[in-house]
Amino acid sequence: MMDHGKITDYLDAYSAYMEIETMKLFDGAIDSLEVHHCVHLFSCSNCLHEEMIEIQE
């Protein structure tokens, strides 16, 4: 699967330029700020499956 980066980068045209700590309030993971996880978007180029996966910072 290919990593496309932070899921919050896809919220709008300017979200990629916002503070990471602020955007973690909108990433869909309740405790990502406290446990130092970052939610990334992964996809498979063969079957086009997409998945959000929490990774350790």
C-alpha atoms as a PDB file:
ATOM      1  CA  MET A   1       0.000   0.000   0.000  1.00  0.00           C
ATOM      2  CA  MET A   2       1.151   3.514  -0.756  1.00  0.00           C
ATOM      3  CA  ASP A   3       1.285   6.211   1.947  1.00  0.00           C
ATOM      4  CA  HIS A   4      -0.316   9.482   0.804  1.00  0.00           C
ATOM      5  CA  GLY A   5       0.473  11.421   3.987  1.00  0.00           C
ATOM      6  CA  LYS A   6      -1.658  12.926   6.727  1.00  0.00           C
ATOM      7  CA  ILE A   7      -5.417  12.519   6.301  1.00  0.00           C
ATOM      8  CA  THR A   8      -5.910  16.105   7.490  1.00  0.00           C
ATOM      9  CA  ASP A   9      -4.011  17.386   4.441  1.00  0.00           C
ATOM     10  CA  TYR A  10      -7.061  16.436   2.381  1.00  0.00           C
ATOM     11  CA  LEU A  11      -9.681  18.391   4.370  1.00  0.00           C
ATOM     12  CA  ASP A  12      -9.460  21.544   2.250  1.00  0.00           C
ATOM     13  CA  ALA A  13      -7.029  23.560   0.116  1.00  0.00           C
ATOM     14  CA  TYR A  14      -5.237  25.102   3.118  1.00  0.00           C
ATOM     15  CA  SER A  15      -5.260  22.307   5.708  1.00  0.00           C
ATOM     16  CA  ALA A  16      -1.795  21.075   4.679  1.00  0.00           C
ATOM     17  CA  TYR A  17      -0.393  24.418   5.853  1.00  0.00           C
ATOM     18  CA  MET A  18      -2.099  24.451   9.270  1.00  0.00           C
ATOM     19  CA  GLU A  19      -0.404  23.538  12.568  1.00  0.00           C
ATOM     20  CA  ILE A  20      -0.204  19.758  12.989  1.00  0.00           C
ATOM     21  CA  GLU A  21      -1.324  19.864  16.637  1.00  0.00           C
ATOM     22  CA  THR A  22      -4.427  21.860  15.708  1.00  0.00           C
ATOM     23  CA  MET A  23      -5.322  19.567  12.819  1.00  0.00           C
ATOM     24  CA  LYS A  24      -5.120  16.511  15.080  1.00  0.00           C
ATOM     25  CA  LEU A  25      -8.407  17.710  16.581  1.00  0.00           C
ATOM     26  CA  PHE A  26     -10.045  16.859  13.225  1.00  0.00           C
ATOM     27  CA  ASP A  27      -8.226  13.679  12.140  1.00  0.00           C
ATOM     28  CA  GLY A  28     -10.874  11.218  13.356  1.00  0.00           C
ATOM     29  CA  ALA A  29      -8.709   9.690  16.102  1.00  0.00           C
ATOM     30  CA  ILE A  30      -9.840  10.714  19.581  1.00  0.00           C
ATOM     31  CA  ASP A  31      -6.445  10.590  21.303  1.00  0.00           C
ATOM     32  CA  SER A  32      -3.939  11.126  18.465  1.00  0.00           C
ATOM     33  CA  LEU A  33      -2.523  14.266  20.094  1.00  0.00           C
ATOM     34  CA  GLU A  34      -1.955  12.607  23.483  1.00  0.00           C
ATOM     35  CA  VAL A  35      -0.475   9.324  22.199  1.00  0.00           C
ATOM     36  CA  HIS A  36       1.572  10.970  19.424  1.00  0.00           C
ATOM     37  CA  HIS A  37      -0.093   9.179  16.522  1.00  0.00           C
ATOM     38  CA  CYS A  38      -0.602  10.589  13.054  1.00  0.00           C
ATOM     39  CA  VAL A  39      -3.453   9.339  10.868  1.00  0.00           C
ATOM     40  CA  HIS A  40      -2.278   8.711   7.302  1.00  0.00           C
ATOM     41  CA  LEU A  41      -4.153   7.779   4.150  1.00  0.00           C
ATOM     42  CA  PHE A  42      -2.958   4.584   2.480  1.00  0.00           C
ATOM     43  CA  SER A  43      -4.186   3.152  -0.821  1.00  0.00           C
ATOM     44  CA  CYS A  44      -3.568   0.125  -3.010  1.00  0.00           C
ATOM     45  CA  SER A  45      -2.879   0.919  -6.670  1.00  0.00           C
ATOM     46  CA  ASN A  46      -4.108  -2.534  -7.759  1.00  0.00           C
ATOM     47  CA  CYS A  47      -7.520  -2.753  -6.109  1.00  0.00           C
ATOM     48  CA  LEU A  48      -7.975   0.989  -5.259  1.00  0.00           C
ATOM     49  CA  HIS A  49      -8.713   0.152  -1.601  1.00  0.00           C
ATOM     50  CA  GLU A  50      -8.143   3.116   0.754  1.00  0.00           C
ATOM     51  CA  GLU A  51      -7.506   2.904   4.462  1.00  0.00           C
ATOM     52  CA  MET A  52      -6.730   5.318   7.285  1.00  0.00           C
ATOM     53  CA  ILE A  53      -3.935   4.011   9.511  1.00  0.00           C
ATOM     54  CA  GLU A  54      -2.525   5.533  12.692  1.00  0.00           C
ATOM     55  CA  ILE A  55       1.276   5.613  12.722  1.00  0.00           C
ATOM     56  CA  GLN A  56       3.643   6.524  15.556  1.00  0.00           C
ATOM     57  CA  GLU A  57       5.263   9.957  15.229  1.00  0.00           C
END
